[in-house]
Amino acid sequence: MTILALETSCDETSAAVVRDGRVLSSAVSSQIKLHAEYGGVVPELAAREHLRNLMPVVQAALRDAKIGRADLPVSQDAQQRVPTDLELDAVAATQGPGLPMALLVGFKAAQAVAFALRKPFVGINHHEAHLYSPWIRAVASSLASGTAELPLGQAAPPHRPTGVIVPATASWVADFTAFQPNVSLIVSGGHTLLVLVESALKHRVLGSTVDDAAGECFDKTGKLMGLPYPAGPEIDRLAEQGNPAAYDFPRPLLNDPGDDFSFSGLKTSVRYFLRDHPQLLDDPQRVRDLCASIQAAIVEVLVKKTMRAAKRNHVRCVTASGGVTCNRALRRDLACACEREGFEMRLAEKSLCTDNAAMVGVLAEYKLMHGVAGDSLDAEIQPGMSLEFV
């Protein structure tokens, strides 16, 4: 089975082609530079950029997958203009959660392609795609695709639109044969979830954030320090040379018996700390110490609550995914905790932690192969889509 998948839930436009569990291609166009000026994602600008970038991204993914012509239009007369020699069996797209205007671009485009080709359409929950992304593994392969974005103004090769990143993804393969029950930590900019996955496609949300998510806490505390957007990766970089014990910040809900998260109190604590110690920001080493201390507080909460949930639910495997899972301290501390407690650990590949269509396509194909019905071409986006009811 060959699937074209689209992802436009926030500020990254992505398309991927998946066949029989293997990612044939994955193209991503990021808007980070555009939104950095505003210190966060502007929904209207994000939607406009998705409209501008969708076609070049889809064309790049189709050409890299070598499955047919890539002059794929998405327009009102799509039925007459979509090439019939595209070797696709289904089309998928992120249905939610996400920014409404951003979701609309990829979701409706995918429905149009499915209608024109008379193929099944699958709407995918963004969090569910993250949930199963740790089961996509990298295998050795000789790859011709590069990973660098072309600078603006530089001529792109005939098959590579300017500004579109095509990661070397031919080495990604879904490994669901290795699946086992697990407790999964999904941690991103807007969401922090603990999920019990009892079997493939059967899961239950144990806890979520009651206010700010971990990623929000990274970005908002970084903004208080004057760090560039997105502040999470910058805190990660600076913290590597800082002292995590320099400043003692609260660990919200760390000792709470439940599985919910809360990071607004930590953010507020940092705000008042900087109000009382404004001179600290003039000392580069103290800034690094502050970054390390904030990071340590967030990571300790994530790791300890994940370990407690895994023990209580009697699983032997822990997985983690989502953008914040790129954080080196989180990956390191979670690995140490799993080794100490005897859990197998599976972390999503870093390229699959951020928003991407590859994980959307892999999950859509798995669902179709296991008898899950496709969605109506009249289905609508669900900006507040819950993982609980998938």
Protein backbone atom coordinates (compact mmCIF):
# COMPACT_ATOMS: atom_id res chain seq x y z
CA MET A 1 0.00 0.00 0.00
CA THR A 2 1.28 3.48 -0.90
CA ILE A 3 0.00 6.55 0.96
CA LEU A 4 0.50 10.28 0.48
CA ALA A 5 0.29 12.06 3.85
CA LEU A 6 0.06 15.79 4.62
CA GLU A 7 0.72 17.63 7.89
CA THR A 8 -0.12 21.32 8.46
CA SER A 9 -1.27 21.44 12.09
CA CYS A 10 0.93 24.36 13.16
CA ASP A 11 3.89 26.05 11.47
CA GLU A 12 5.50 23.29 9.42
CA THR A 13 4.25 22.18 6.02
CA SER A 14 5.07 18.53 5.44
CA ALA A 15 4.30 15.79 2.91
CA ALA A 16 5.46 12.19 2.93
CA VAL A 17 5.02 9.03 0.91
CA VAL A 18 4.82 5.76 2.83
CA ARG A 19 4.75 2.29 1.30
CA ASP A 20 4.42 -0.95 3.24
CA GLY A 21 5.70 0.67 6.42
CA ARG A 22 8.72 2.29 4.77
CA VAL A 23 9.02 6.06 4.46
CA LEU A 24 9.93 6.58 0.81
CA SER A 25 10.20 10.35 1.17
CA SER A 26 9.46 13.16 3.59
CA ALA A 27 9.61 16.87 2.80
CA VAL A 28 9.25 19.64 5.38
CA SER A 29 9.11 23.41 5.04
CA SER A 30 9.56 25.19 8.36
CA GLN A 31 8.26 28.65 9.27
CA ILE A 32 10.44 29.21 12.33
CA LYS A 33 12.29 32.17 10.81
CA LEU A 34 9.02 33.84 9.84
CA HIS A 35 7.46 33.61 13.31
CA ALA A 36 10.67 34.37 15.24
CA GLU A 37 10.05 38.08 14.67
CA TYR A 38 6.82 37.82 16.68
CA GLY A 39 8.10 35.53 19.42
CA GLY A 40 5.55 32.82 18.60
CA VAL A 41 3.36 31.35 15.89
CA VAL A 42 0.90 33.78 14.28
CA PRO A 43 -2.02 31.63 13.01
CA GLU A 44 -2.91 33.86 10.04
CA LEU A 45 0.68 33.93 8.81
CA ALA A 46 1.03 30.19 9.33
CA ALA A 47 -2.02 29.46 7.16
CA ARG A 48 -0.81 31.80 4.44
CA GLU A 49 2.59 30.11 4.36
CA HIS A 50 0.98 26.67 4.21
CA LEU A 51 -0.92 27.80 1.11
CA ARG A 52 2.31 29.04 -0.42
CA ASN A 53 4.42 26.01 0.49
CA LEU A 54 2.07 23.05 0.14
CA MET A 55 2.51 22.42 -3.57
CA PRO A 56 6.34 22.58 -3.62
CA VAL A 57 6.46 20.30 -0.58
CA VAL A 58 4.10 17.73 -2.11
CA GLN A 59 5.99 17.84 -5.39
CA ALA A 60 9.29 17.25 -3.60
CA ALA A 61 7.88 14.28 -1.68
CA LEU A 62 6.37 12.66 -4.78
CA ARG A 63 9.47 13.10 -6.88
CA ASP A 64 11.79 11.80 -4.17
CA ALA A 65 9.54 8.75 -3.73
CA LYS A 66 9.66 8.13 -7.51
CA ILE A 67 6.04 7.03 -7.61
CA GLY A 68 4.89 9.06 -10.62
CA ARG A 69 4.50 12.58 -11.88
CA ALA A 70 4.65 15.32 -9.29
CA ASP A 71 2.81 18.12 -11.08
CA LEU A 72 -0.01 17.61 -8.62
CA PRO A 73 -2.44 20.54 -8.47
CA VAL A 74 -4.88 21.14 -5.65
CA SER A 75 -7.62 23.33 -7.06
CA GLN A 76 -11.30 23.46 -7.82
CA ASP A 77 -10.80 21.54 -11.06
CA ALA A 78 -8.57 18.97 -9.36
CA GLN A 79 -10.50 16.02 -10.78
CA GLN A 80 -9.58 17.03 -14.32
CA ARG A 81 -5.99 18.01 -13.61
CA VAL A 82 -4.62 15.48 -11.06
CA PRO A 83 -2.45 13.02 -13.04
CA THR A 84 -3.95 9.55 -13.08
CA ASP A 85 -0.60 7.77 -13.07
CA LEU A 86 0.14 8.61 -9.44
CA GLU A 87 0.77 5.28 -7.73
CA LEU A 88 -1.27 6.02 -4.61
CA ASP A 89 -3.66 3.74 -2.74
CA ALA A 90 -4.83 6.27 -0.14
CA VAL A 91 -4.39 9.84 1.09
CA ALA A 92 -4.06 10.95 4.72
CA ALA A 93 -3.80 14.23 6.60
CA THR A 94 -3.73 15.57 10.14
CA GLN A 95 -7.29 16.30 11.28
CA GLY A 96 -6.43 17.77 14.68
CA PRO A 97 -5.54 19.02 17.17
CA GLY A 98 -3.92 22.18 15.86
CA LEU A 99 -4.47 25.71 14.61
CA PRO A 100 -7.81 25.77 12.73
CA MET A 101 -6.67 27.77 9.70
CA ALA A 102 -3.46 25.77 9.43
CA LEU A 103 -5.24 22.42 9.67
CA LEU A 104 -7.67 23.41 6.94
CA VAL A 105 -4.95 23.79 4.32
CA GLY A 106 -3.54 20.27 4.48
CA PHE A 107 -6.77 18.50 5.41
CA LYS A 108 -8.88 19.92 2.59
CA ALA A 109 -6.07 19.53 0.07
CA ALA A 110 -5.75 15.85 0.98
CA GLN A 111 -9.50 15.36 0.66
CA ALA A 112 -9.42 16.98 -2.78
CA VAL A 113 -6.65 14.65 -3.95
CA ALA A 114 -8.46 11.60 -2.55
CA PHE A 115 -11.65 12.68 -4.34
CA ALA A 116 -9.88 13.27 -7.66
CA LEU A 117 -8.05 9.94 -7.53
CA ARG A 118 -11.06 8.09 -6.08
CA LYS A 119 -8.94 6.76 -3.23
CA PRO A 120 -9.66 6.28 0.49
CA PHE A 121 -9.03 9.23 2.78
CA VAL A 122 -7.86 8.99 6.41
CA GLY A 123 -7.92 11.80 8.97
CA ILE A 124 -5.26 11.33 11.65
CA ASN A 125 -5.01 12.60 15.22
CA HIS A 126 -1.71 14.45 15.51
CA HIS A 127 -1.06 13.12 19.00
CA GLU A 128 -1.82 9.56 17.95
CA ALA A 129 0.76 9.88 15.18
CA HIS A 130 3.31 10.98 17.78
CA LEU A 131 2.18 8.12 20.03
CA TYR A 132 3.30 5.49 17.52
CA SER A 133 6.33 7.35 16.09
CA PRO A 134 8.79 5.61 18.48
CA TRP A 135 8.01 2.40 16.58
CA ILE A 136 9.50 3.86 13.42
CA ARG A 137 13.16 2.90 13.39
CA ALA A 138 16.16 3.90 11.33
CA VAL A 139 17.91 1.26 9.25
CA ALA A 140 21.20 1.45 7.36
CA SER A 141 20.76 2.71 3.82
CA SER A 142 22.72 4.57 1.17
CA LEU A 143 20.89 7.86 0.74
CA ALA A 144 21.15 10.53 -1.86
CA SER A 145 18.85 13.02 -0.19
CA GLY A 146 20.39 15.89 1.74
CA THR A 147 19.13 17.42 4.94
CA ALA A 148 20.04 21.08 4.50
CA GLU A 149 17.62 23.80 3.54
CA LEU A 150 18.63 25.72 0.44
CA PRO A 151 19.48 29.36 1.18
CA LEU A 152 17.06 31.87 -0.26
CA GLY A 153 18.13 32.96 -3.70
CA GLN A 154 20.18 29.85 -4.41
CA ALA A 155 19.01 27.88 -7.41
CA ALA A 156 17.41 24.58 -6.48
CA PRO A 157 17.95 21.38 -8.42
CA PRO A 158 15.10 20.55 -10.82
CA HIS A 159 13.62 18.09 -8.33
CA ARG A 160 14.13 20.15 -5.16
CA PRO A 161 12.05 23.34 -4.65
CA THR A 162 13.88 26.20 -2.95
CA GLY A 163 13.34 26.35 0.81
CA VAL A 164 12.02 22.80 1.14
CA ILE A 165 13.95 20.46 3.41
CA VAL A 166 13.95 16.86 2.28
CA PRO A 167 15.42 14.80 5.14
CA ALA A 168 17.27 11.59 4.39
CA THR A 169 14.35 9.40 5.35
CA ALA A 170 14.57 6.38 3.08
CA SER A 171 16.04 4.63 6.13
CA TRP A 172 12.87 4.92 8.24
CA VAL A 173 10.79 1.76 8.61
CA ALA A 174 7.81 1.04 10.87
CA ASP A 175 8.66 -1.77 13.30
CA PHE A 176 5.28 -2.71 14.76
CA THR A 177 6.33 -6.37 15.01
CA ALA A 178 8.37 -5.28 18.04
CA PHE A 179 5.37 -3.55 19.64
CA GLN A 180 4.63 -4.21 23.29
CA PRO A 181 2.37 -2.52 25.85
CA ASN A 182 3.91 0.72 27.06
CA VAL A 183 3.46 3.99 28.86
CA SER A 184 4.11 6.82 26.45
CA LEU A 185 5.15 10.39 27.17
CA ILE A 186 4.06 12.85 24.47
CA VAL A 187 5.59 16.22 25.16
CA SER A 188 5.43 19.16 22.77
CA GLY A 189 4.98 22.91 22.66
CA GLY A 190 1.29 22.88 23.46
CA HIS A 191 0.66 19.47 25.02
CA THR A 192 2.06 17.13 27.64
CA LEU A 193 0.41 13.71 27.86
CA LEU A 194 0.95 10.39 29.56
CA VAL A 195 -0.74 7.55 27.70
CA LEU A 196 -1.12 3.86 28.45
CA VAL A 197 -0.93 1.89 25.20
CA GLU A 198 -2.34 -1.53 26.01
CA SER A 199 -2.06 -2.89 22.47
CA ALA A 200 -1.62 -1.50 18.98
CA LEU A 201 -4.37 1.09 18.31
CA LYS A 202 -5.75 0.66 21.86
CA HIS A 203 -4.73 3.35 24.31
CA ARG A 204 -5.95 5.37 27.27
CA VAL A 205 -4.88 8.84 28.38
CA LEU A 206 -3.58 8.73 31.95
CA GLY A 207 -2.86 12.41 32.41
CA SER A 208 -2.31 15.70 30.62
CA THR A 209 -1.36 19.26 31.34
CA VAL A 210 -3.80 21.31 33.40
CA ASP A 211 -2.30 24.63 32.27
CA ASP A 212 1.04 25.26 30.53
CA ALA A 213 2.67 22.35 28.74
CA ALA A 214 6.38 21.59 29.13
CA GLY A 215 7.20 23.10 25.75
CA GLU A 216 5.29 26.27 26.62
CA CYS A 217 7.26 26.54 29.85
CA PHE A 218 10.55 26.28 27.96
CA ASP A 219 9.50 28.92 25.43
CA LYS A 220 7.90 31.32 27.89
CA THR A 221 10.72 31.25 30.43
CA GLY A 222 13.17 31.66 27.57
CA LYS A 223 11.24 34.69 26.39
CA LEU A 224 11.47 36.15 29.91
CA MET A 225 15.25 35.80 29.59
CA GLY A 226 15.27 37.44 26.17
CA LEU A 227 16.22 34.28 24.29
CA PRO A 228 15.24 33.98 20.62
CA TYR A 229 12.19 32.00 19.51
CA PRO A 230 11.86 29.08 19.80
CA ALA A 231 13.55 29.25 23.19
CA GLY A 232 13.41 25.52 23.98
CA PRO A 233 16.38 24.51 21.79
CA GLU A 234 18.32 27.56 22.98
CA ILE A 235 17.79 26.62 26.64
CA ASP A 236 18.92 23.10 25.79
CA ARG A 237 22.10 24.47 24.21
CA LEU A 238 22.95 26.89 27.02
CA ALA A 239 22.10 24.38 29.76
CA GLU A 240 24.82 22.02 28.56
CA GLN A 241 27.40 24.40 30.10
CA GLY A 242 25.33 25.38 33.13
CA ASN A 243 24.88 24.12 36.67
CA PRO A 244 21.44 22.52 37.11
CA ALA A 245 21.70 22.90 40.90
CA ALA A 246 22.49 26.63 40.81
CA TYR A 247 18.89 27.73 41.43
CA ASP A 248 16.11 25.80 43.13
CA PHE A 249 12.85 26.08 41.21
CA PRO A 250 9.58 24.29 42.07
CA ARG A 251 8.68 20.90 40.55
CA PRO A 252 4.90 21.31 40.08
CA LEU A 253 2.76 18.24 40.88
CA LEU A 254 5.90 16.13 41.29
CA ASN A 255 4.54 14.43 44.40
CA ASP A 256 0.93 14.41 43.30
CA PRO A 257 -0.31 10.80 42.97
CA GLY A 258 -2.07 11.56 39.69
CA ASP A 259 -0.58 11.70 36.20
CA ASP A 260 -1.46 15.28 35.29
CA PHE A 261 1.16 17.97 34.68
CA SER A 262 1.32 21.67 35.51
CA PHE A 263 4.11 24.05 34.54
CA SER A 264 2.53 27.49 34.98
CA GLY A 265 3.81 27.71 38.56
CA LEU A 266 7.37 27.10 37.42
CA LYS A 267 7.02 29.80 34.78
CA THR A 268 5.69 32.25 37.37
CA SER A 269 8.52 31.39 39.75
CA VAL A 270 11.09 32.18 37.05
CA ARG A 271 9.33 35.46 36.30
CA TYR A 272 9.52 36.64 39.90
CA PHE A 273 13.09 35.39 40.23
CA LEU A 274 14.14 37.52 37.26
CA ARG A 275 12.22 40.49 38.65
CA ASP A 276 14.22 40.24 41.86
CA HIS A 277 17.55 39.48 40.14
CA PRO A 278 17.57 41.52 36.89
CA GLN A 279 21.36 41.82 36.90
CA LEU A 280 21.67 38.06 36.43
CA LEU A 281 20.91 38.42 32.71
CA ASP A 282 24.11 40.45 32.25
CA ASP A 283 26.27 37.49 33.26
CA PRO A 284 26.51 34.79 30.52
CA GLN A 285 27.49 32.04 32.96
CA ARG A 286 24.63 32.79 35.31
CA VAL A 287 22.26 32.70 32.35
CA ARG A 288 23.58 29.26 31.48
CA ASP A 289 23.09 28.19 35.10
CA LEU A 290 19.54 29.55 35.02
CA CYS A 291 18.78 27.63 31.83
CA ALA A 292 20.17 24.44 33.34
CA SER A 293 18.14 24.91 36.52
CA ILE A 294 14.87 25.53 34.66
CA GLN A 295 15.52 22.55 32.42
CA ALA A 296 16.31 20.32 35.40
CA ALA A 297 12.99 21.19 37.04
CA ILE A 298 10.98 20.40 33.90
CA VAL A 299 12.86 17.20 33.08
CA GLU A 300 12.66 15.84 36.64
CA VAL A 301 8.88 16.17 36.63
CA LEU A 302 8.54 14.52 33.21
CA VAL A 303 10.84 11.61 34.01
CA LYS A 304 9.61 10.81 37.53
CA LYS A 305 5.92 10.94 36.64
CA THR A 306 6.55 8.75 33.60
CA MET A 307 8.40 6.17 35.68
CA ARG A 308 5.66 6.10 38.31
CA ALA A 309 2.98 5.59 35.68
CA ALA A 310 4.94 2.75 34.04
CA LYS A 311 5.38 0.94 37.36
CA ARG A 312 1.77 1.40 38.40
CA ASN A 313 0.46 0.05 35.09
CA HIS A 314 2.85 -2.93 35.10
CA VAL A 315 4.35 -2.38 31.65
CA ARG A 316 7.94 -3.10 30.72
CA CYS A 317 8.35 -0.47 28.01
CA VAL A 318 8.43 3.34 28.04
CA THR A 319 8.25 5.49 24.91
CA ALA A 320 8.58 9.22 24.34
CA SER A 321 7.83 11.51 21.42
CA GLY A 322 6.96 15.09 20.51
CA GLY A 323 9.10 18.15 19.94
CA VAL A 324 10.42 18.49 23.50
CA THR A 325 11.75 14.92 23.26
CA CYS A 326 14.58 16.43 21.19
CA ASN A 327 15.86 17.91 24.46
CA ARG A 328 19.16 16.21 25.30
CA ALA A 329 18.70 16.26 29.07
CA LEU A 330 15.26 14.65 28.78
CA ARG A 331 16.55 11.90 26.49
CA ARG A 332 19.54 11.30 28.73
CA ASP A 333 17.67 11.29 32.05
CA LEU A 334 14.82 9.18 30.71
CA ALA A 335 17.32 6.65 29.38
CA CYS A 336 19.09 6.49 32.75
CA ALA A 337 15.82 6.09 34.64
CA CYS A 338 14.63 3.30 32.33
CA GLU A 339 17.93 1.45 32.67
CA ARG A 340 17.85 1.81 36.45
CA GLU A 341 14.25 0.57 36.70
CA GLY A 342 14.58 -2.18 34.11
CA PHE A 343 12.32 -0.71 31.43
CA GLU A 344 12.91 -0.98 27.71
CA MET A 345 12.95 2.52 26.25
CA ARG A 346 12.03 3.65 22.75
CA LEU A 347 12.51 7.31 21.83
CA ALA A 348 11.20 8.73 18.57
CA GLU A 349 13.93 9.67 16.11
CA LYS A 350 14.69 13.38 16.50
CA SER A 351 13.51 14.10 12.95
CA LEU A 352 10.19 12.49 13.85
CA CYS A 353 9.77 14.39 17.12
CA THR A 354 8.88 17.65 15.41
CA ASP A 355 5.80 17.92 13.17
CA ASN A 356 6.11 15.72 10.10
CA ALA A 357 3.91 13.85 7.63
CA ALA A 358 5.95 10.62 7.80
CA MET A 359 4.43 9.57 11.13
CA VAL A 360 0.98 10.53 9.82
CA GLY A 361 1.41 8.29 6.78
CA VAL A 362 2.78 5.36 8.77
CA LEU A 363 -0.17 5.43 11.20
CA ALA A 364 -2.73 5.86 8.40
CA GLU A 365 -1.36 2.87 6.53
CA TYR A 366 -1.30 0.75 9.70
CA LYS A 367 -4.93 1.62 10.42
CA LEU A 368 -6.09 0.78 6.90
CA MET A 369 -4.15 -2.50 6.92
CA HIS A 370 -5.88 -3.46 10.17
CA GLY A 371 -9.41 -2.81 9.01
CA VAL A 372 -9.99 0.69 10.35
CA ALA A 373 -12.39 2.43 7.99
CA GLY A 374 -11.37 5.57 6.17
CA ASP A 375 -13.03 8.91 6.77
CA SER A 376 -15.65 10.73 4.75
CA LEU A 377 -14.57 13.32 2.22
CA ASP A 378 -17.06 15.59 3.99
CA ALA A 379 -15.25 15.24 7.33
CA GLU A 380 -14.11 18.45 8.99
CA ILE A 381 -11.02 19.42 10.93
CA GLN A 382 -11.11 19.05 14.73
CA PRO A 383 -8.82 21.75 16.24
CA GLY A 384 -9.48 20.43 19.76
CA MET A 385 -9.36 16.75 18.82
CA SER A 386 -8.80 14.57 21.87
CA LEU A 387 -6.61 11.48 21.94
CA GLU A 388 -9.00 9.96 24.48
CA PHE A 389 -11.69 9.24 21.92
CA VAL A 390 -9.60 8.07 18.95
